[in-house]
Amino acid sequence: YRELVASIFSGDRTTYADSVKDRFTISRDSAENT
């Protein structure tokens, strides 16, 4: 099934799946919506 890996919200708050928390990093470039 499709699972959530990581999310980033307004204010740069982030969440991670436990399986990737220590290995993956999500970041946001707000100016470029990337």
PDB file of all heavy atoms in Angstrom:
ATOM      1  N   TYR A   1       0.833  -1.191   0.000  1.00  0.00           N
ATOM      2  CA  TYR A   1       0.000   0.000   0.000  1.00  0.00           C
ATOM      3  C   TYR A   1       0.876   1.253   0.000  1.00  0.00           C
ATOM      4  O   TYR A   1       2.070   1.201   0.301  1.00  0.00           O
ATOM      5  CB  TYR A   1      -0.915   0.001   1.222  1.00  0.00           C
ATOM      6  CG  TYR A   1      -0.178  -0.105   2.545  1.00  0.00           C
ATOM      7  CD1 TYR A   1       0.286   1.034   3.192  1.00  0.00           C
ATOM      8  CD2 TYR A   1       0.048  -1.342   3.139  1.00  0.00           C
ATOM      9  CE1 TYR A   1       0.967   0.942   4.388  1.00  0.00           C
ATOM     10  CE2 TYR A   1       0.724  -1.445   4.336  1.00  0.00           C
ATOM     11  CZ  TYR A   1       1.182  -0.306   4.954  1.00  0.00           C
ATOM     12  OH  TYR A   1       1.863  -0.399   6.149  1.00  0.00           O
ATOM     13  N   ARG A   2       0.283   2.353  -0.333  1.00  0.00           N
ATOM     14  CA  ARG A   2       0.992   3.628  -0.301  1.00  0.00           C
ATOM     15  C   ARG A   2       1.064   4.148   1.129  1.00  0.00           C
ATOM     16  O   ARG A   2       0.052   4.201   1.829  1.00  0.00           O
ATOM     17  CB  ARG A   2       0.294   4.637  -1.209  1.00  0.00           C
ATOM     18  CG  ARG A   2       1.012   5.958  -1.341  1.00  0.00           C
ATOM     19  CD  ARG A   2       0.404   6.793  -2.451  1.00  0.00           C
ATOM     20  NE  ARG A   2      -1.008   7.045  -2.231  1.00  0.00           N
ATOM     21  CZ  ARG A   2      -1.823   7.547  -3.138  1.00  0.00           C
ATOM     22  NH1 ARG A   2      -1.360   7.847  -4.356  1.00  0.00           N
ATOM     23  NH2 ARG A   2      -3.100   7.753  -2.856  1.00  0.00           N
ATOM     24  N   GLU A   3       2.249   4.554   1.547  1.00  0.00           N
ATOM     25  CA  GLU A   3       2.446   5.025   2.903  1.00  0.00           C
ATOM     26  C   GLU A   3       3.084   6.401   2.907  1.00  0.00           C
ATOM     27  O   GLU A   3       3.838   6.766   2.001  1.00  0.00           O
ATOM     28  CB  GLU A   3       3.322   4.042   3.697  1.00  0.00           C
ATOM     29  CG  GLU A   3       4.732   3.901   3.147  1.00  0.00           C
ATOM     30  CD  GLU A   3       5.616   3.007   3.997  1.00  0.00           C
ATOM     31  OE1 GLU A   3       5.246   2.731   5.157  1.00  0.00           O
ATOM     32  OE2 GLU A   3       6.681   2.584   3.505  1.00  0.00           O
ATOM     33  N   LEU A   4       2.790   7.144   3.946  1.00  0.00           N
ATOM     34  CA  LEU A   4       3.383   8.463   4.122  1.00  0.00           C
ATOM     35  C   LEU A   4       4.812   8.314   4.617  1.00  0.00           C
ATOM     36  O   LEU A   4       5.073   7.613   5.593  1.00  0.00           O
ATOM     37  CB  LEU A   4       2.562   9.289   5.107  1.00  0.00           C
ATOM     38  CG  LEU A   4       3.103  10.674   5.459  1.00  0.00           C
ATOM     39  CD1 LEU A   4       3.117  11.574   4.236  1.00  0.00           C
ATOM     40  CD2 LEU A   4       2.269  11.301   6.573  1.00  0.00           C
ATOM     41  N   VAL A   5       5.730   8.997   3.959  1.00  0.00           N
ATOM     42  CA  VAL A   5       7.141   8.961   4.323  1.00  0.00           C
ATOM     43  C   VAL A   5       7.518  10.173   5.162  1.00  0.00           C
ATOM     44  O   VAL A   5       8.124  10.043   6.230  1.00  0.00           O
ATOM     45  CB  VAL A   5       8.031   8.880   3.076  1.00  0.00           C
ATOM     46  CG1 VAL A   5       9.510   8.903   3.464  1.00  0.00           C
ATOM     47  CG2 VAL A   5       7.708   7.625   2.281  1.00  0.00           C
ATOM     48  N   ALA A   6       7.191  11.358   4.677  1.00  0.00           N
ATOM     49  CA  ALA A   6       7.544  12.594   5.367  1.00  0.00           C
ATOM     50  C   ALA A   6       6.652  13.711   4.870  1.00  0.00           C
ATOM     51  O   ALA A   6       6.196  13.697   3.729  1.00  0.00           O
ATOM     52  CB  ALA A   6       9.014  12.956   5.147  1.00  0.00           C
ATOM     53  N   SER A   7       6.415  14.694   5.739  1.00  0.00           N
ATOM     54  CA  SER A   7       5.607  15.857   5.392  1.00  0.00           C
ATOM     55  C   SER A   7       6.242  17.102   5.966  1.00  0.00           C
ATOM     56  O   SER A   7       6.921  17.049   6.990  1.00  0.00           O
ATOM     57  CB  SER A   7       4.178  15.739   5.934  1.00  0.00           C
ATOM     58  OG  SER A   7       3.492  14.645   5.370  1.00  0.00           O
ATOM     59  N   ILE A   8       5.992  18.222   5.311  1.00  0.00           N
ATOM     60  CA  ILE A   8       6.441  19.506   5.817  1.00  0.00           C
ATOM     61  C   ILE A   8       5.287  20.491   5.689  1.00  0.00           C
ATOM     62  O   ILE A   8       4.604  20.538   4.661  1.00  0.00           O
ATOM     63  CB  ILE A   8       7.713  19.998   5.097  1.00  0.00           C
ATOM     64  CG1 ILE A   8       8.249  21.264   5.764  1.00  0.00           C
ATOM     65  CG2 ILE A   8       7.470  20.199   3.614  1.00  0.00           C
ATOM     66  CD1 ILE A   8       9.681  21.587   5.360  1.00  0.00           C
ATOM     67  N   PHE A   9       5.076  21.279   6.752  1.00  0.00           N
ATOM     68  CA  PHE A   9       3.941  22.171   6.854  1.00  0.00           C
ATOM     69  C   PHE A   9       4.387  23.628   6.918  1.00  0.00           C
ATOM     70  O   PHE A   9       5.582  23.918   7.022  1.00  0.00           O
ATOM     71  CB  PHE A   9       3.112  21.838   8.099  1.00  0.00           C
ATOM     72  CG  PHE A   9       2.565  20.442   8.122  1.00  0.00           C
ATOM     73  CD1 PHE A   9       3.343  19.379   8.543  1.00  0.00           C
ATOM     74  CD2 PHE A   9       1.262  20.197   7.712  1.00  0.00           C
ATOM     75  CE1 PHE A   9       2.842  18.087   8.558  1.00  0.00           C
ATOM     76  CE2 PHE A   9       0.746  18.913   7.723  1.00  0.00           C
ATOM     77  CZ  PHE A   9       1.539  17.862   8.146  1.00  0.00           C
ATOM     78  N   SER A  10       3.410  24.517   6.870  1.00  0.00           N
ATOM     79  CA  SER A  10       3.701  25.933   7.063  1.00  0.00           C
ATOM     80  C   SER A  10       4.415  26.130   8.391  1.00  0.00           C
ATOM     81  O   SER A  10       4.036  25.543   9.408  1.00  0.00           O
ATOM     82  CB  SER A  10       2.415  26.752   7.042  1.00  0.00           C
ATOM     83  OG  SER A  10       1.764  26.645   5.802  1.00  0.00           O
ATOM     84  N   GLY A  11       5.447  26.955   8.372  1.00  0.00           N
ATOM     85  CA  GLY A  11       6.292  27.111   9.539  1.00  0.00           C
ATOM     86  C   GLY A  11       7.398  26.083   9.605  1.00  0.00           C
ATOM     87  O   GLY A  11       8.141  26.042  10.588  1.00  0.00           O
ATOM     88  N   ASP A  12       7.499  25.245   8.594  1.00  0.00           N
ATOM     89  CA  ASP A  12       8.561  24.250   8.443  1.00  0.00           C
ATOM     90  C   ASP A  12       8.486  23.142   9.482  1.00  0.00           C
ATOM     91  O   ASP A  12       9.500  22.501   9.786  1.00  0.00           O
ATOM     92  CB  ASP A  12       9.938  24.913   8.480  1.00  0.00           C
ATOM     93  CG  ASP A  12      10.188  25.789   7.271  1.00  0.00           C
ATOM     94  OD1 ASP A  12       9.583  25.521   6.211  1.00  0.00           O
ATOM     95  OD2 ASP A  12      10.982  26.739   7.380  1.00  0.00           O
ATOM     96  N   ARG A  13       7.320  22.902  10.048  1.00  0.00           N
ATOM     97  CA  ARG A  13       7.138  21.744  10.914  1.00  0.00           C
ATOM     98  C   ARG A  13       7.148  20.488  10.060  1.00  0.00           C
ATOM     99  O   ARG A  13       6.547  20.453   8.983  1.00  0.00           O
ATOM    100  CB  ARG A  13       5.833  21.858  11.692  1.00  0.00           C
ATOM    101  CG  ARG A  13       5.555  20.679  12.621  1.00  0.00           C
ATOM    102  CD  ARG A  13       4.346  20.969  13.493  1.00  0.00           C
ATOM    103  NE  ARG A  13       3.149  21.195  12.709  1.00  0.00           N
ATOM    104  CZ  ARG A  13       2.315  20.230  12.313  1.00  0.00           C
ATOM    105  NH1 ARG A  13       2.555  18.967  12.646  1.00  0.00           N
ATOM    106  NH2 ARG A  13       1.238  20.539  11.614  1.00  0.00           N
ATOM    107  N   THR A  14       7.814  19.455  10.542  1.00  0.00           N
ATOM    108  CA  THR A  14       7.983  18.232   9.764  1.00  0.00           C
ATOM    109  C   THR A  14       7.533  17.012  10.540  1.00  0.00           C
ATOM    110  O   THR A  14       7.525  16.995  11.777  1.00  0.00           O
ATOM    111  CB  THR A  14       9.447  18.032   9.342  1.00  0.00           C
ATOM    112  OG1 THR A  14      10.275  17.959  10.508  1.00  0.00           O
ATOM    113  CG2 THR A  14       9.919  19.184   8.474  1.00  0.00           C
ATOM    114  N   THR A  15       7.147  15.978   9.818  1.00  0.00           N
ATOM    115  CA  THR A  15       6.849  14.677  10.376  1.00  0.00           C
ATOM    116  C   THR A  15       7.521  13.620   9.515  1.00  0.00           C
ATOM    117  O   THR A  15       7.729  13.812   8.318  1.00  0.00           O
ATOM    118  CB  THR A  15       5.339  14.402  10.450  1.00  0.00           C
ATOM    119  OG1 THR A  15       4.783  14.416   9.126  1.00  0.00           O
ATOM    120  CG2 THR A  15       4.634  15.458  11.295  1.00  0.00           C
ATOM    121  N   TYR A  16       7.843  12.484  10.140  1.00  0.00           N
ATOM    122  CA  TYR A  16       8.499  11.386   9.450  1.00  0.00           C
ATOM    123  C   TYR A  16       7.904  10.061   9.874  1.00  0.00           C
ATOM    124  O   TYR A  16       7.483   9.887  11.019  1.00  0.00           O
ATOM    125  CB  TYR A  16       9.996  11.353   9.759  1.00  0.00           C
ATOM    126  CG  TYR A  16      10.770  12.545   9.274  1.00  0.00           C
ATOM    127  CD1 TYR A  16      10.974  13.645  10.096  1.00  0.00           C
ATOM    128  CD2 TYR A  16      11.307  12.567   7.994  1.00  0.00           C
ATOM    129  CE1 TYR A  16      11.684  14.741   9.652  1.00  0.00           C
ATOM    130  CE2 TYR A  16      12.024  13.660   7.541  1.00  0.00           C
ATOM    131  CZ  TYR A  16      12.209  14.742   8.369  1.00  0.00           C
ATOM    132  OH  TYR A  16      12.920  15.829   7.922  1.00  0.00           O
ATOM    133  N   ALA A  17       7.894   9.123   8.952  1.00  0.00           N
ATOM    134  CA  ALA A  17       7.619   7.751   9.316  1.00  0.00           C
ATOM    135  C   ALA A  17       8.768   7.219  10.164  1.00  0.00           C
ATOM    136  O   ALA A  17       9.931   7.577   9.959  1.00  0.00           O
ATOM    137  CB  ALA A  17       7.444   6.884   8.068  1.00  0.00           C
ATOM    138  N   ASP A  18       8.450   6.365  11.118  1.00  0.00           N
ATOM    139  CA  ASP A  18       9.484   5.840  12.000  1.00  0.00           C
ATOM    140  C   ASP A  18      10.594   5.121  11.238  1.00  0.00           C
ATOM    141  O   ASP A  18      11.765   5.168  11.634  1.00  0.00           O
ATOM    142  CB  ASP A  18       8.877   4.883  13.027  1.00  0.00           C
ATOM    143  CG  ASP A  18       8.041   5.594  14.073  1.00  0.00           C
ATOM    144  OD1 ASP A  18       8.208   6.819  14.244  1.00  0.00           O
ATOM    145  OD2 ASP A  18       7.219   4.926  14.725  1.00  0.00           O
ATOM    146  N   SER A  19      10.251   4.494  10.142  1.00  0.00           N
ATOM    147  CA  SER A  19      11.223   3.716   9.400  1.00  0.00           C
ATOM    148  C   SER A  19      12.285   4.560   8.705  1.00  0.00           C
ATOM    149  O   SER A  19      13.332   4.038   8.316  1.00  0.00           O
ATOM    150  CB  SER A  19      10.511   2.840   8.364  1.00  0.00           C
ATOM    151  OG  SER A  19       9.777   3.635   7.450  1.00  0.00           O
ATOM    152  N   VAL A  20      12.036   5.863   8.548  1.00  0.00           N
ATOM    153  CA  VAL A  20      12.975   6.722   7.826  1.00  0.00           C
ATOM    154  C   VAL A  20      13.465   7.888   8.656  1.00  0.00           C
ATOM    155  O   VAL A  20      14.288   8.671   8.173  1.00  0.00           O
ATOM    156  CB  VAL A  20      12.358   7.254   6.515  1.00  0.00           C
ATOM    157  CG1 VAL A  20      11.795   6.113   5.682  1.00  0.00           C
ATOM    158  CG2 VAL A  20      11.273   8.289   6.804  1.00  0.00           C
ATOM    159  N   LYS A  21      13.022   8.027   9.875  1.00  0.00           N
ATOM    160  CA  LYS A  21      13.244   9.235  10.665  1.00  0.00           C
ATOM    161  C   LYS A  21      14.723   9.590  10.816  1.00  0.00           C
ATOM    162  O   LYS A  21      15.086  10.769  10.779  1.00  0.00           O
ATOM    163  CB  LYS A  21      12.595   9.090  12.034  1.00  0.00           C
ATOM    164  CG  LYS A  21      12.666  10.339  12.893  1.00  0.00           C
ATOM    165  CD  LYS A  21      11.902  10.163  14.193  1.00  0.00           C
ATOM    166  CE  LYS A  21      10.419   9.963  13.929  1.00  0.00           C
ATOM    167  NZ  LYS A  21       9.631   9.856  15.182  1.00  0.00           N
ATOM    168  N   ASP A  22      15.574   8.627  10.986  1.00  0.00           N
ATOM    169  CA  ASP A  22      16.992   8.880  11.211  1.00  0.00           C
ATOM    170  C   ASP A  22      17.802   8.924   9.925  1.00  0.00           C
ATOM    171  O   ASP A  22      19.018   9.166   9.975  1.00  0.00           O
ATOM    172  CB  ASP A  22      17.581   7.817  12.139  1.00  0.00           C
ATOM    173  CG  ASP A  22      16.974   7.849  13.526  1.00  0.00           C
ATOM    174  OD1 ASP A  22      16.611   8.944  14.001  1.00  0.00           O
ATOM    175  OD2 ASP A  22      16.861   6.771  14.149  1.00  0.00           O
ATOM    176  N   ARG A  23      17.158   8.728   8.798  1.00  0.00           N
ATOM    177  CA  ARG A  23      17.880   8.641   7.531  1.00  0.00           C
ATOM    178  C   ARG A  23      17.438   9.662   6.492  1.00  0.00           C
ATOM    179  O   ARG A  23      18.237  10.057   5.643  1.00  0.00           O
ATOM    180  CB  ARG A  23      17.727   7.234   6.940  1.00  0.00           C
ATOM    181  CG  ARG A  23      18.254   6.135   7.844  1.00  0.00           C
ATOM    182  CD  ARG A  23      18.126   4.769   7.191  1.00  0.00           C
ATOM    183  NE  ARG A  23      16.730   4.380   7.008  1.00  0.00           N
ATOM    184  CZ  ARG A  23      16.178   4.124   5.831  1.00  0.00           C
ATOM    185  NH1 ARG A  23      16.900   4.203   4.713  1.00  0.00           N
ATOM    186  NH2 ARG A  23      14.899   3.765   5.753  1.00  0.00           N
ATOM    187  N   PHE A  24      16.182  10.072   6.524  1.00  0.00           N
ATOM    188  CA  PHE A  24      15.636  10.987   5.524  1.00  0.00           C
ATOM    189  C   PHE A  24      15.417  12.363   6.133  1.00  0.00           C
ATOM    190  O   PHE A  24      15.093  12.491   7.319  1.00  0.00           O
ATOM    191  CB  PHE A  24      14.297  10.481   4.986  1.00  0.00           C
ATOM    192  CG  PHE A  24      14.371   9.222   4.166  1.00  0.00           C
ATOM    193  CD1 PHE A  24      15.541   8.492   4.038  1.00  0.00           C
ATOM    194  CD2 PHE A  24      13.235   8.763   3.517  1.00  0.00           C
ATOM    195  CE1 PHE A  24      15.604   7.336   3.287  1.00  0.00           C
ATOM    196  CE2 PHE A  24      13.272   7.606   2.755  1.00  0.00           C
ATOM    197  CZ  PHE A  24      14.454   6.887   2.640  1.00  0.00           C
ATOM    198  N   THR A  25      15.539  13.389   5.298  1.00  0.00           N
ATOM    199  CA  THR A  25      15.282  14.757   5.712  1.00  0.00           C
ATOM    200  C   THR A  25      14.451  15.458   4.656  1.00  0.00           C
ATOM    201  O   THR A  25      14.818  15.462   3.479  1.00  0.00           O
ATOM    202  CB  THR A  25      16.584  15.537   5.944  1.00  0.00           C
ATOM    203  OG1 THR A  25      17.382  14.874   6.931  1.00  0.00           O
ATOM    204  CG2 THR A  25      16.273  16.948   6.429  1.00  0.00           C
ATOM    205  N   ILE A  26      13.345  16.044   5.081  1.00  0.00           N
ATOM    206  CA  ILE A  26      12.507  16.806   4.173  1.00  0.00           C
ATOM    207  C   ILE A  26      12.736  18.288   4.425  1.00  0.00           C
ATOM    208  O   ILE A  26      12.861  18.724   5.573  1.00  0.00           O
ATOM    209  CB  ILE A  26      11.018  16.434   4.327  1.00  0.00           C
ATOM    210  CG1 ILE A  26      10.175  17.096   3.231  1.00  0.00           C
ATOM    211  CG2 ILE A  26      10.491  16.780   5.713  1.00  0.00           C
ATOM    212  CD1 ILE A  26       8.736  16.588   3.171  1.00  0.00           C
ATOM    213  N   SER A  27      12.797  19.071   3.360  1.00  0.00           N
ATOM    214  CA  SER A  27      12.986  20.506   3.472  1.00  0.00           C
ATOM    215  C   SER A  27      12.165  21.198   2.403  1.00  0.00           C
ATOM    216  O   SER A  27      11.751  20.576   1.421  1.00  0.00           O
ATOM    217  CB  SER A  27      14.468  20.884   3.356  1.00  0.00           C
ATOM    218  OG  SER A  27      14.996  20.466   2.108  1.00  0.00           O
ATOM    219  N   ARG A  28      11.961  22.500   2.588  1.00  0.00           N
ATOM    220  CA  ARG A  28      11.056  23.241   1.722  1.00  0.00           C
ATOM    221  C   ARG A  28      11.679  24.546   1.286  1.00  0.00           C
ATOM    222  O   ARG A  28      12.227  25.277   2.104  1.00  0.00           O
ATOM    223  CB  ARG A  28       9.738  23.496   2.463  1.00  0.00           C
ATOM    224  CG  ARG A  28       8.654  24.181   1.657  1.00  0.00           C
ATOM    225  CD  ARG A  28       7.383  24.260   2.470  1.00  0.00           C
ATOM    226  NE  ARG A  28       6.267  24.808   1.732  1.00  0.00           N
ATOM    227  CZ  ARG A  28       5.023  24.890   2.199  1.00  0.00           C
ATOM    228  NH1 ARG A  28       4.755  24.444   3.414  1.00  0.00           N
ATOM    229  NH2 ARG A  28       4.066  25.408   1.449  1.00  0.00           N
ATOM    230  N   ASP A  29      11.568  24.819   0.005  1.00  0.00           N
ATOM    231  CA  ASP A  29      11.970  26.098  -0.553  1.00  0.00           C
ATOM    232  C   ASP A  29      10.683  26.840  -0.884  1.00  0.00           C
ATOM    233  O   ASP A  29      10.117  26.678  -1.960  1.00  0.00           O
ATOM    234  CB  ASP A  29      12.829  25.903  -1.802  1.00  0.00           C
ATOM    235  CG  ASP A  29      13.350  27.206  -2.365  1.00  0.00           C
ATOM    236  OD1 ASP A  29      12.876  28.279  -1.968  1.00  0.00           O
ATOM    237  OD2 ASP A  29      14.254  27.147  -3.222  1.00  0.00           O
ATOM    238  N   SER A  30      10.210  27.656   0.047  1.00  0.00           N
ATOM    239  CA  SER A  30       8.909  28.299  -0.101  1.00  0.00           C
ATOM    240  C   SER A  30       8.859  29.247  -1.296  1.00  0.00           C
ATOM    241  O   SER A  30       7.834  29.345  -1.970  1.00  0.00           O
ATOM    242  CB  SER A  30       8.549  29.060   1.177  1.00  0.00           C
ATOM    243  OG  SER A  30       8.410  28.182   2.275  1.00  0.00           O
ATOM    244  N   ALA A  31       9.948  29.947  -1.542  1.00  0.00           N
ATOM    245  CA  ALA A  31       9.965  30.919  -2.623  1.00  0.00           C
ATOM    246  C   ALA A  31       9.737  30.271  -3.982  1.00  0.00           C
ATOM    247  O   ALA A  31       9.142  30.882  -4.873  1.00  0.00           O
ATOM    248  CB  ALA A  31      11.280  31.691  -2.614  1.00  0.00           C
ATOM    249  N   GLU A  32      10.185  29.031  -4.129  1.00  0.00           N
ATOM    250  CA  GLU A  32      10.052  28.336  -5.394  1.00  0.00           C
ATOM    251  C   GLU A  32       9.010  27.224  -5.340  1.00  0.00           C
ATOM    252  O   GLU A  32       8.850  26.489  -6.314  1.00  0.00           O
ATOM    253  CB  GLU A  32      11.399  27.758  -5.815  1.00  0.00           C
ATOM    254  CG  GLU A  32      12.472  28.811  -6.029  1.00  0.00           C
ATOM    255  CD  GLU A  32      13.801  28.207  -6.439  1.00  0.00           C
ATOM    256  OE1 GLU A  32      13.849  26.987  -6.705  1.00  0.00           O
ATOM    257  OE2 GLU A  32      14.786  28.959  -6.489  1.00  0.00           O
ATOM    258  N   ASN A  33       8.314  27.096  -4.198  1.00  0.00           N
ATOM    259  CA  ASN A  33       7.328  26.035  -4.010  1.00  0.00           C
ATOM    260  C   ASN A  33       7.904  24.666  -4.341  1.00  0.00           C
ATOM    261  O   ASN A  33       7.270  23.859  -5.033  1.00  0.00           O
ATOM    262  CB  ASN A  33       6.073  26.322  -4.837  1.00  0.00           C
ATOM    263  CG  ASN A  33       5.280  27.485  -4.303  1.00  0.00           C
ATOM    264  OD1 ASN A  33       5.185  27.683  -3.096  1.00  0.00           O
ATOM    265  ND2 ASN A  33       4.685  28.265  -5.202  1.00  0.00           N
ATOM    266  N   THR A  34       9.080  24.424  -3.831  1.00  0.00           N
ATOM    267  CA  THR A  34       9.784  23.175  -4.068  1.00  0.00           C
ATOM    268  C   THR A  34      10.115  22.513  -2.737  1.00  0.00           C
ATOM    269  O   THR A  34      10.542  23.178  -1.792  1.00  0.00           O
ATOM    270  CB  THR A  34      11.071  23.408  -4.874  1.00  0.00           C
ATOM    271  OG1 THR A  34      10.740  23.986  -6.140  1.00  0.00           O
ATOM    272  CG2 THR A  34      11.802  22.101  -5.100  1.00  0.00           C
TER     273      THR A  34
END
